[in-house]
Amino acid sequence: MKYSPIIVVNLLLLTVANFVVAPCKVDMKLTACDKGPCGQNAYCDFNGVSYECLCEDGHDGDPHNIRIGCTPNSE
């Protein structure tokens, strides 16, 4: 009997023919923050579940606003 490789991919495992390979770990921080979701003068902080945009020190504003972002404090 001739076997041809069958690949089945799901979120938990990768099965190739009769071999089971452990799932790949995806770096969620890289995935969430690498897309540049934060505005100017802001940075992306990943807490293990989701990301949050925060203004850099000395800046205020809306860190999620891509166009405006955070502006220097007027102090």
C-alpha atoms as a PDB file:
ATOM      1  CA  MET A   1       0.000   0.000   0.000  1.00  0.00           C
ATOM      2  CA  LYS A   2       1.384   3.412  -0.964  1.00  0.00           C
ATOM      3  CA  TYR A   3       1.028   6.320   1.466  1.00  0.00           C
ATOM      4  CA  SER A   4       0.991   9.926   0.452  1.00  0.00           C
ATOM      5  CA  PRO A   5       1.778  12.619   3.028  1.00  0.00           C
ATOM      6  CA  ILE A   6      -1.326  14.172   4.514  1.00  0.00           C
ATOM      7  CA  ILE A   7      -0.988  17.470   6.339  1.00  0.00           C
ATOM      8  CA  VAL A   8      -3.647  18.579   8.791  1.00  0.00           C
ATOM      9  CA  VAL A   9      -3.180  21.899  10.550  1.00  0.00           C
ATOM     10  CA  ASN A  10      -5.193  23.187  13.452  1.00  0.00           C
ATOM     11  CA  LEU A  11      -4.501  25.409  16.445  1.00  0.00           C
ATOM     12  CA  LEU A  12      -3.329  22.546  18.627  1.00  0.00           C
ATOM     13  CA  LEU A  13      -1.219  20.201  16.531  1.00  0.00           C
ATOM     14  CA  LEU A  14       0.335  19.505  13.212  1.00  0.00           C
ATOM     15  CA  THR A  15      -0.046  15.948  11.950  1.00  0.00           C
ATOM     16  CA  VAL A  16       2.046  14.715   9.020  1.00  0.00           C
ATOM     17  CA  ALA A  17       1.301  11.124   8.010  1.00  0.00           C
ATOM     18  CA  ASN A  18       1.681   9.135  11.248  1.00  0.00           C
ATOM     19  CA  PHE A  19       3.894  11.626  13.078  1.00  0.00           C
ATOM     20  CA  VAL A  20       2.620  14.216  15.557  1.00  0.00           C
ATOM     21  CA  VAL A  21       4.698  17.337  16.044  1.00  0.00           C
ATOM     22  CA  ALA A  22       4.266  19.691  18.982  1.00  0.00           C
ATOM     23  CA  PRO A  23       2.522  22.971  18.123  1.00  0.00           C
ATOM     24  CA  CYS A  24       4.566  26.048  17.341  1.00  0.00           C
ATOM     25  CA  LYS A  25       4.584  28.794  19.905  1.00  0.00           C
ATOM     26  CA  VAL A  26       3.578  32.138  18.479  1.00  0.00           C
ATOM     27  CA  ASP A  27       5.086  35.189  20.094  1.00  0.00           C
ATOM     28  CA  MET A  28       1.866  37.131  20.709  1.00  0.00           C
ATOM     29  CA  LYS A  29       3.819  40.213  21.773  1.00  0.00           C
ATOM     30  CA  LEU A  30       5.517  40.285  18.422  1.00  0.00           C
ATOM     31  CA  THR A  31       2.239  39.627  16.638  1.00  0.00           C
ATOM     32  CA  ALA A  32       0.208  42.286  18.479  1.00  0.00           C
ATOM     33  CA  CYS A  33       2.824  45.006  18.769  1.00  0.00           C
ATOM     34  CA  ASP A  34       4.721  44.439  15.535  1.00  0.00           C
ATOM     35  CA  LYS A  35       1.821  45.801  13.494  1.00  0.00           C
ATOM     36  CA  GLY A  36       2.491  49.307  14.827  1.00  0.00           C
ATOM     37  CA  PRO A  37      -0.871  49.858  16.548  1.00  0.00           C
ATOM     38  CA  CYS A  38       0.296  52.897  18.523  1.00  0.00           C
ATOM     39  CA  GLY A  39       0.540  56.551  17.571  1.00  0.00           C
ATOM     40  CA  GLN A  40       3.520  58.885  17.554  1.00  0.00           C
ATOM     41  CA  ASN A  41       5.568  59.142  20.765  1.00  0.00           C
ATOM     42  CA  ALA A  42       3.806  56.036  22.111  1.00  0.00           C
ATOM     43  CA  TYR A  43       4.895  52.460  22.650  1.00  0.00           C
ATOM     44  CA  CYS A  44       3.180  49.103  22.707  1.00  0.00           C
ATOM     45  CA  ASP A  45       3.101  47.123  25.956  1.00  0.00           C
ATOM     46  CA  PHE A  46       1.964  43.478  25.887  1.00  0.00           C
ATOM     47  CA  ASN A  47       0.632  41.978  29.143  1.00  0.00           C
ATOM     48  CA  GLY A  48       0.506  38.358  27.952  1.00  0.00           C
ATOM     49  CA  VAL A  49      -3.098  38.531  26.747  1.00  0.00           C
ATOM     50  CA  SER A  50      -3.512  41.797  24.881  1.00  0.00           C
ATOM     51  CA  TYR A  51      -1.585  44.935  24.065  1.00  0.00           C
ATOM     52  CA  GLU A  52      -1.918  48.478  25.335  1.00  0.00           C
ATOM     53  CA  CYS A  53      -0.506  51.668  23.850  1.00  0.00           C
ATOM     54  CA  LEU A  54       1.093  54.054  26.322  1.00  0.00           C
ATOM     55  CA  CYS A  55       2.513  57.552  25.894  1.00  0.00           C
ATOM     56  CA  GLU A  56       6.273  57.884  26.316  1.00  0.00           C
ATOM     57  CA  ASP A  57       7.553  59.765  29.372  1.00  0.00           C
ATOM     58  CA  GLY A  58       6.978  63.502  29.059  1.00  0.00           C
ATOM     59  CA  HIS A  59       4.079  63.072  26.620  1.00  0.00           C
ATOM     60  CA  ASP A  60       0.273  63.139  26.922  1.00  0.00           C
ATOM     61  CA  GLY A  61      -2.546  62.380  24.530  1.00  0.00           C
ATOM     62  CA  ASP A  62      -4.221  59.417  22.908  1.00  0.00           C
ATOM     63  CA  PRO A  63      -1.550  56.759  22.317  1.00  0.00           C
ATOM     64  CA  HIS A  64      -3.968  54.757  20.123  1.00  0.00           C
ATOM     65  CA  ASN A  65      -4.504  57.647  17.696  1.00  0.00           C
ATOM     66  CA  ILE A  66      -2.157  56.845  14.808  1.00  0.00           C
ATOM     67  CA  ARG A  67      -2.278  60.361  13.328  1.00  0.00           C
ATOM     68  CA  ILE A  68      -1.877  62.503  16.454  1.00  0.00           C
ATOM     69  CA  GLY A  69      -0.614  60.125  19.123  1.00  0.00           C
ATOM     70  CA  CYS A  70       1.065  61.668  22.138  1.00  0.00           C
ATOM     71  CA  THR A  71       2.409  65.213  22.216  1.00  0.00           C
ATOM     72  CA  PRO A  72       5.032  66.713  24.530  1.00  0.00           C
ATOM     73  CA  ASN A  73       3.766  67.935  27.908  1.00  0.00           C
ATOM     74  CA  SER A  74       3.357  71.691  28.113  1.00  0.00           C
ATOM     75  CA  GLU A  75       4.989  71.913  31.550  1.00  0.00           C
END
